[in-house]
Amino acid sequence: MAGSELPPRLKRTLELVYGVEGVTAARVWQWGERVAVGVRPAATSAPGELLRRVEAAVAGVREPEETWEFGILETE
């Protein structure tokens, strides 16, 4: 959402994701009933374990009718 403020729920999602130890960068996208969360792990973090912790961290903001996907961002 270039040039505009994120909706409160997506902003909260990012706050929760950045609160997970081992996340060095995060992005969140929403289109319709789908939400995607991408993270960049710290060098010492196992990607699979990190994704599980991120998914658990955002469980409280997920809506039952939504589909959420989680993945690893490419390094810059």
PDB file of N, CA and C in Angstrom:
ATOM      1  N   MET A   1       0.834  -1.176   0.000  1.00  0.00           N
ATOM      2  CA  MET A   1       0.000   0.000   0.000  1.00  0.00           C
ATOM      3  C   MET A   1       0.883   1.244   0.000  1.00  0.00           C
ATOM      4  N   ALA A   2       1.529   1.485  -1.085  1.00  0.00           N
ATOM      5  CA  ALA A   2       2.453   2.597  -1.190  1.00  0.00           C
ATOM      6  C   ALA A   2       1.740   3.913  -0.945  1.00  0.00           C
ATOM      7  N   GLY A   3       2.340   4.745  -0.113  1.00  0.00           N
ATOM      8  CA  GLY A   3       1.811   6.064   0.135  1.00  0.00           C
ATOM      9  C   GLY A   3       0.606   6.131   1.053  1.00  0.00           C
ATOM     10  N   SER A   4       0.202   5.019   1.624  1.00  0.00           N
ATOM     11  CA  SER A   4      -0.940   5.046   2.538  1.00  0.00           C
ATOM     12  C   SER A   4      -0.627   4.215   3.772  1.00  0.00           C
ATOM     13  N   GLU A   5      -1.391   4.459   4.797  1.00  0.00           N
ATOM     14  CA  GLU A   5      -1.226   3.750   6.066  1.00  0.00           C
ATOM     15  C   GLU A   5      -1.781   2.332   5.942  1.00  0.00           C
ATOM     16  N   LEU A   6      -1.105   1.374   6.560  1.00  0.00           N
ATOM     17  CA  LEU A   6      -1.608  -0.003   6.582  1.00  0.00           C
ATOM     18  C   LEU A   6      -2.876  -0.094   7.419  1.00  0.00           C
ATOM     19  N   PRO A   7      -3.796  -0.967   7.031  1.00  0.00           N
ATOM     20  CA  PRO A   7      -4.951  -1.211   7.892  1.00  0.00           C
ATOM     21  C   PRO A   7      -4.464  -1.698   9.267  1.00  0.00           C
ATOM     22  N   PRO A   8      -5.186  -1.382  10.337  1.00  0.00           N
ATOM     23  CA  PRO A   8      -4.741  -1.736  11.689  1.00  0.00           C
ATOM     24  C   PRO A   8      -4.417  -3.220  11.876  1.00  0.00           C
ATOM     25  N   ARG A   9      -5.198  -4.110  11.285  1.00  0.00           N
ATOM     26  CA  ARG A   9      -4.944  -5.545  11.474  1.00  0.00           C
ATOM     27  C   ARG A   9      -3.639  -5.978  10.806  1.00  0.00           C
ATOM     28  N   LEU A  10      -3.332  -5.427   9.640  1.00  0.00           N
ATOM     29  CA  LEU A  10      -2.077  -5.779   8.986  1.00  0.00           C
ATOM     30  C   LEU A  10      -0.891  -5.165   9.721  1.00  0.00           C
ATOM     31  N   LYS A  11      -1.088  -3.969  10.245  1.00  0.00           N
ATOM     32  CA  LYS A  11      -0.044  -3.332  11.047  1.00  0.00           C
ATOM     33  C   LYS A  11       0.242  -4.186  12.294  1.00  0.00           C
ATOM     34  N   ARG A  12      -0.816  -4.668  12.938  1.00  0.00           N
ATOM     35  CA  ARG A  12      -0.656  -5.537  14.116  1.00  0.00           C
ATOM     36  C   ARG A  12       0.029  -6.843  13.729  1.00  0.00           C
ATOM     37  N   THR A  13      -0.304  -7.367  12.557  1.00  0.00           N
ATOM     38  CA  THR A  13       0.349  -8.584  12.078  1.00  0.00           C
ATOM     39  C   THR A  13       1.854  -8.370  11.969  1.00  0.00           C
ATOM     40  N   LEU A  14       2.264  -7.261  11.383  1.00  0.00           N
ATOM     41  CA  LEU A  14       3.696  -6.963  11.274  1.00  0.00           C
ATOM     42  C   LEU A  14       4.350  -6.813  12.643  1.00  0.00           C
ATOM     43  N   GLU A  15       3.660  -6.161  13.568  1.00  0.00           N
ATOM     44  CA  GLU A  15       4.202  -6.019  14.926  1.00  0.00           C
ATOM     45  C   GLU A  15       4.426  -7.386  15.555  1.00  0.00           C
ATOM     46  N   LEU A  16       3.475  -8.280  15.401  1.00  0.00           N
ATOM     47  CA  LEU A  16       3.610  -9.634  15.966  1.00  0.00           C
ATOM     48  C   LEU A  16       4.750 -10.398  15.305  1.00  0.00           C
ATOM     49  N   VAL A  17       4.844 -10.280  13.982  1.00  0.00           N
ATOM     50  CA  VAL A  17       5.906 -10.996  13.253  1.00  0.00           C
ATOM     51  C   VAL A  17       7.274 -10.493  13.682  1.00  0.00           C
ATOM     52  N   TYR A  18       7.447  -9.167  13.765  1.00  0.00           N
ATOM     53  CA  TYR A  18       8.738  -8.627  14.185  1.00  0.00           C
ATOM     54  C   TYR A  18       9.059  -8.962  15.643  1.00  0.00           C
ATOM     55  N   GLY A  19       8.062  -9.337  16.419  1.00  0.00           N
ATOM     56  CA  GLY A  19       8.292  -9.748  17.798  1.00  0.00           C
ATOM     57  C   GLY A  19       8.837 -11.162  17.928  1.00  0.00           C
ATOM     58  N   VAL A  20       8.860 -11.915  16.832  1.00  0.00           N
ATOM     59  CA  VAL A  20       9.380 -13.285  16.853  1.00  0.00           C
ATOM     60  C   VAL A  20      10.902 -13.235  16.738  1.00  0.00           C
ATOM     61  N   GLU A  21      11.570 -13.849  17.685  1.00  0.00           N
ATOM     62  CA  GLU A  21      13.030 -13.879  17.663  1.00  0.00           C
ATOM     63  C   GLU A  21      13.524 -14.558  16.399  1.00  0.00           C
ATOM     64  N   GLY A  22      14.470 -13.919  15.716  1.00  0.00           N
ATOM     65  CA  GLY A  22      15.045 -14.484  14.505  1.00  0.00           C
ATOM     66  C   GLY A  22      14.526 -13.864  13.221  1.00  0.00           C
ATOM     67  N   VAL A  23      13.505 -12.995  13.307  1.00  0.00           N
ATOM     68  CA  VAL A  23      12.989 -12.302  12.127  1.00  0.00           C
ATOM     69  C   VAL A  23      13.793 -11.017  11.939  1.00  0.00           C
ATOM     70  N   THR A  24      14.424 -10.878  10.761  1.00  0.00           N
ATOM     71  CA  THR A  24      15.192  -9.665  10.483  1.00  0.00           C
ATOM     72  C   THR A  24      14.467  -8.731   9.517  1.00  0.00           C
ATOM     73  N   ALA A  25      13.502  -9.247   8.770  1.00  0.00           N
ATOM     74  CA  ALA A  25      12.684  -8.434   7.869  1.00  0.00           C
ATOM     75  C   ALA A  25      11.365  -9.156   7.661  1.00  0.00           C
ATOM     76  N   ALA A  26      10.321  -8.393   7.379  1.00  0.00           N
ATOM     77  CA  ALA A  26       9.004  -9.000   7.169  1.00  0.00           C
ATOM     78  C   ALA A  26       8.192  -8.159   6.201  1.00  0.00           C
ATOM     79  N   ARG A  27       7.323  -8.845   5.467  1.00  0.00           N
ATOM     80  CA  ARG A  27       6.370  -8.197   4.560  1.00  0.00           C
ATOM     81  C   ARG A  27       5.038  -8.912   4.730  1.00  0.00           C
ATOM     82  N   VAL A  28       3.949  -8.170   4.549  1.00  0.00           N
ATOM     83  CA  VAL A  28       2.623  -8.779   4.609  1.00  0.00           C
ATOM     84  C   VAL A  28       1.793  -8.220   3.458  1.00  0.00           C
ATOM     85  N   TRP A  29       1.053  -9.102   2.802  1.00  0.00           N
ATOM     86  CA  TRP A  29       0.184  -8.743   1.693  1.00  0.00           C
ATOM     87  C   TRP A  29      -1.199  -9.290   1.960  1.00  0.00           C
ATOM     88  N   GLN A  30      -2.218  -8.559   1.527  1.00  0.00           N
ATOM     89  CA  GLN A  30      -3.584  -9.064   1.625  1.00  0.00           C
ATOM     90  C   GLN A  30      -4.311  -8.736   0.336  1.00  0.00           C
ATOM     91  N   TRP A  31      -5.011  -9.723  -0.179  1.00  0.00           N
ATOM     92  CA  TRP A  31      -5.880  -9.531  -1.333  1.00  0.00           C
ATOM     93  C   TRP A  31      -7.082 -10.431  -1.120  1.00  0.00           C
ATOM     94  N   GLY A  32      -8.231  -9.796  -0.979  1.00  0.00           N
ATOM     95  CA  GLY A  32      -9.454 -10.545  -0.717  1.00  0.00           C
ATOM     96  C   GLY A  32      -9.364 -11.334   0.579  1.00  0.00           C
ATOM     97  N   GLU A  33      -9.630 -12.617   0.478  1.00  0.00           N
ATOM     98  CA  GLU A  33      -9.626 -13.521   1.639  1.00  0.00           C
ATOM     99  C   GLU A  33      -8.271 -14.195   1.832  1.00  0.00           C
ATOM    100  N   ARG A  34      -7.237 -13.671   1.207  1.00  0.00           N
ATOM    101  CA  ARG A  34      -5.899 -14.276   1.297  1.00  0.00           C
ATOM    102  C   ARG A  34      -4.911 -13.295   1.926  1.00  0.00           C
ATOM    103  N   VAL A  35      -4.044 -13.832   2.762  1.00  0.00           N
ATOM    104  CA  VAL A  35      -2.989 -13.041   3.391  1.00  0.00           C
ATOM    105  C   VAL A  35      -1.691 -13.831   3.229  1.00  0.00           C
ATOM    106  N   ALA A  36      -0.633 -13.124   2.871  1.00  0.00           N
ATOM    107  CA  ALA A  36       0.683 -13.753   2.756  1.00  0.00           C
ATOM    108  C   ALA A  36       1.648 -13.013   3.672  1.00  0.00           C
ATOM    109  N   VAL A  37       2.464 -13.769   4.364  1.00  0.00           N
ATOM    110  CA  VAL A  37       3.480 -13.216   5.260  1.00  0.00           C
ATOM    111  C   VAL A  37       4.827 -13.784   4.822  1.00  0.00           C
ATOM    112  N   GLY A  38       5.757 -12.894   4.536  1.00  0.00           N
ATOM    113  CA  GLY A  38       7.106 -13.309   4.188  1.00  0.00           C
ATOM    114  C   GLY A  38       8.083 -12.770   5.216  1.00  0.00           C
ATOM    115  N   VAL A  39       9.048 -13.595   5.598  1.00  0.00           N
ATOM    116  CA  VAL A  39      10.050 -13.178   6.583  1.00  0.00           C
ATOM    117  C   VAL A  39      11.446 -13.505   6.082  1.00  0.00           C
ATOM    118  N   ARG A  40      12.401 -12.745   6.560  1.00  0.00           N
ATOM    119  CA  ARG A  40      13.809 -13.036   6.320  1.00  0.00           C
ATOM    120  C   ARG A  40      14.403 -13.453   7.660  1.00  0.00           C
ATOM    121  N   PRO A  41      14.940 -14.666   7.733  1.00  0.00           N
ATOM    122  CA  PRO A  41      15.472 -15.152   9.010  1.00  0.00           C
ATOM    123  C   PRO A  41      16.882 -14.622   9.289  1.00  0.00           C
ATOM    124  N   ALA A  42      17.200 -14.530  10.567  1.00  0.00           N
ATOM    125  CA  ALA A  42      18.577 -14.249  10.985  1.00  0.00           C
ATOM    126  C   ALA A  42      19.441 -15.437  10.579  1.00  0.00           C
ATOM    127  N   ALA A  43      20.729 -15.205  10.457  1.00  0.00           N
ATOM    128  CA  ALA A  43      21.652 -16.258  10.020  1.00  0.00           C
ATOM    129  C   ALA A  43      21.603 -17.476  10.936  1.00  0.00           C
ATOM    130  N   THR A  44      21.275 -17.278  12.188  1.00  0.00           N
ATOM    131  CA  THR A  44      21.267 -18.385  13.154  1.00  0.00           C
ATOM    132  C   THR A  44      19.913 -19.065  13.292  1.00  0.00           C
ATOM    133  N   SER A  45      18.914 -18.634  12.508  1.00  0.00           N
ATOM    134  CA  SER A  45      17.568 -19.189  12.621  1.00  0.00           C
ATOM    135  C   SER A  45      17.326 -20.254  11.554  1.00  0.00           C
ATOM    136  N   ALA A  46      16.688 -21.346  11.950  1.00  0.00           N
ATOM    137  CA  ALA A  46      16.275 -22.380  11.003  1.00  0.00           C
ATOM    138  C   ALA A  46      14.970 -21.912  10.356  1.00  0.00           C
ATOM    139  N   PRO A  47      14.921 -21.788   9.034  1.00  0.00           N
ATOM    140  CA  PRO A  47      13.739 -21.247   8.367  1.00  0.00           C
ATOM    141  C   PRO A  47      12.435 -21.970   8.713  1.00  0.00           C
ATOM    142  N   GLY A  48      12.431 -23.273   8.724  1.00  0.00           N
ATOM    143  CA  GLY A  48      11.200 -24.018   9.023  1.00  0.00           C
ATOM    144  C   GLY A  48      10.677 -23.736  10.413  1.00  0.00           C
ATOM    145  N   GLU A  49      11.553 -23.744  11.382  1.00  0.00           N
ATOM    146  CA  GLU A  49      11.160 -23.455  12.770  1.00  0.00           C
ATOM    147  C   GLU A  49      10.684 -22.013  12.904  1.00  0.00           C
ATOM    148  N   LEU A  50      11.361 -21.089  12.235  1.00  0.00           N
ATOM    149  CA  LEU A  50      10.968 -19.680  12.287  1.00  0.00           C
ATOM    150  C   LEU A  50       9.561 -19.494  11.724  1.00  0.00           C
ATOM    151  N   LEU A  51       9.265 -20.135  10.603  1.00  0.00           N
ATOM    152  CA  LEU A  51       7.928 -20.013  10.020  1.00  0.00           C
ATOM    153  C   LEU A  51       6.861 -20.559  10.959  1.00  0.00           C
ATOM    154  N   ARG A  52       7.146 -21.640  11.647  1.00  0.00           N
ATOM    155  CA  ARG A  52       6.189 -22.191  12.614  1.00  0.00           C
ATOM    156  C   ARG A  52       5.931 -21.200  13.749  1.00  0.00           C
ATOM    157  N   ARG A  53       6.993 -20.547  14.228  1.00  0.00           N
ATOM    158  CA  ARG A  53       6.827 -19.571  15.310  1.00  0.00           C
ATOM    159  C   ARG A  53       6.070 -18.330  14.839  1.00  0.00           C
ATOM    160  N   VAL A  54       6.332 -17.890  13.610  1.00  0.00           N
ATOM    161  CA  VAL A  54       5.613 -16.744  13.046  1.00  0.00           C
ATOM    162  C   VAL A  54       4.130 -17.082  12.901  1.00  0.00           C
ATOM    163  N   GLU A  55       3.839 -18.262  12.379  1.00  0.00           N
ATOM    164  CA  GLU A  55       2.448 -18.673  12.215  1.00  0.00           C
ATOM    165  C   GLU A  55       1.724 -18.702  13.560  1.00  0.00           C
ATOM    166  N   ALA A  56       2.376 -19.204  14.589  1.00  0.00           N
ATOM    167  CA  ALA A  56       1.773 -19.233  15.926  1.00  0.00           C
ATOM    168  C   ALA A  56       1.579 -17.819  16.469  1.00  0.00           C
ATOM    169  N   ALA A  57       2.512 -16.927  16.187  1.00  0.00           N
ATOM    170  CA  ALA A  57       2.438 -15.561  16.710  1.00  0.00           C
ATOM    171  C   ALA A  57       1.248 -14.791  16.156  1.00  0.00           C
ATOM    172  N   VAL A  58       0.860 -15.066  14.919  1.00  0.00           N
ATOM    173  CA  VAL A  58      -0.231 -14.303  14.302  1.00  0.00           C
ATOM    174  C   VAL A  58      -1.574 -15.026  14.377  1.00  0.00           C
ATOM    175  N   ALA A  59      -1.630 -16.141  15.054  1.00  0.00           N
ATOM    176  CA  ALA A  59      -2.869 -16.934  15.120  1.00  0.00           C
ATOM    177  C   ALA A  59      -4.045 -16.106  15.623  1.00  0.00           C
ATOM    178  N   GLY A  60      -3.823 -15.180  16.517  1.00  0.00           N
ATOM    179  CA  GLY A  60      -4.905 -14.394  17.090  1.00  0.00           C
ATOM    180  C   GLY A  60      -5.532 -13.367  16.159  1.00  0.00           C
ATOM    181  N   VAL A  61      -4.854 -13.008  15.077  1.00  0.00           N
ATOM    182  CA  VAL A  61      -5.409 -12.016  14.147  1.00  0.00           C
ATOM    183  C   VAL A  61      -6.000 -12.668  12.895  1.00  0.00           C
ATOM    184  N   ARG A  62      -5.867 -13.973  12.782  1.00  0.00           N
ATOM    185  CA  ARG A  62      -6.388 -14.677  11.612  1.00  0.00           C
ATOM    186  C   ARG A  62      -7.899 -14.860  11.715  1.00  0.00           C
ATOM    187  N   GLU A  63      -8.583 -14.693  10.599  1.00  0.00           N
ATOM    188  CA  GLU A  63     -10.024 -14.919  10.518  1.00  0.00           C
ATOM    189  C   GLU A  63     -10.262 -16.310   9.942  1.00  0.00           C
ATOM    190  N   PRO A  64     -11.295 -17.031  10.407  1.00  0.00           N
ATOM    191  CA  PRO A  64     -11.531 -18.409   9.974  1.00  0.00           C
ATOM    192  C   PRO A  64     -11.707 -18.576   8.470  1.00  0.00           C
ATOM    193  N   GLU A  65     -12.305 -17.604   7.789  1.00  0.00           N
ATOM    194  CA  GLU A  65     -12.557 -17.751   6.354  1.00  0.00           C
ATOM    195  C   GLU A  65     -11.359 -17.390   5.475  1.00  0.00           C
ATOM    196  N   GLU A  66     -10.266 -16.940   6.083  1.00  0.00           N
ATOM    197  CA  GLU A  66      -9.087 -16.521   5.318  1.00  0.00           C
ATOM    198  C   GLU A  66      -8.114 -17.666   5.091  1.00  0.00           C
ATOM    199  N   THR A  67      -7.369 -17.532   4.021  1.00  0.00           N
ATOM    200  CA  THR A  67      -6.257 -18.428   3.739  1.00  0.00           C
ATOM    201  C   THR A  67      -4.972 -17.645   3.969  1.00  0.00           C
ATOM    202  N   TRP A  68      -4.119 -18.164   4.828  1.00  0.00           N
ATOM    203  CA  TRP A  68      -2.839 -17.518   5.115  1.00  0.00           C
ATOM    204  C   TRP A  68      -1.716 -18.392   4.585  1.00  0.00           C
ATOM    205  N   GLU A  69      -0.706 -17.742   3.999  1.00  0.00           N
ATOM    206  CA  GLU A  69       0.483 -18.418   3.508  1.00  0.00           C
ATOM    207  C   GLU A  69       1.701 -17.765   4.135  1.00  0.00           C
ATOM    208  N   PHE A  70       2.703 -18.572   4.421  1.00  0.00           N
ATOM    209  CA  PHE A  70       3.923 -18.096   5.063  1.00  0.00           C
ATOM    210  C   PHE A  70       5.118 -18.558   4.241  1.00  0.00           C
ATOM    211  N   GLY A  71       6.118 -17.666   4.097  1.00  0.00           N
ATOM    212  CA  GLY A  71       7.290 -18.039   3.312  1.00  0.00           C
ATOM    213  C   GLY A  71       8.498 -17.217   3.703  1.00  0.00           C
ATOM    214  N   ILE A  72       9.607 -17.597   3.120  1.00  0.00           N
ATOM    215  CA  ILE A  72      10.888 -16.945   3.368  1.00  0.00           C
ATOM    216  C   ILE A  72      11.152 -15.942   2.242  1.00  0.00           C
ATOM    217  N   LEU A  73      11.505 -14.712   2.603  1.00  0.00           N
ATOM    218  CA  LEU A  73      11.869 -13.689   1.631  1.00  0.00           C
ATOM    219  C   LEU A  73      13.274 -13.950   1.111  1.00  0.00           C
ATOM    220  N   GLU A  74      13.503 -13.612  -0.131  1.00  0.00           N
ATOM    221  CA  GLU A  74      14.849 -13.726  -0.681  1.00  0.00           C
ATOM    222  C   GLU A  74      15.742 -12.668  -0.056  1.00  0.00           C
ATOM    223  N   THR A  75      17.026 -12.955  -0.002  1.00  0.00           N
ATOM    224  CA  THR A  75      17.957 -11.969   0.538  1.00  0.00           C
ATOM    225  C   THR A  75      18.154 -10.863  -0.489  1.00  0.00           C
ATOM    226  N   GLU A  76      18.411  -9.677   0.019  1.00  0.00           N
ATOM    227  CA  GLU A  76      18.553  -8.522  -0.876  1.00  0.00           C
ATOM    228  C   GLU A  76      19.933  -8.466  -1.464  1.00  0.00           C
TER     229      GLU A  76
END
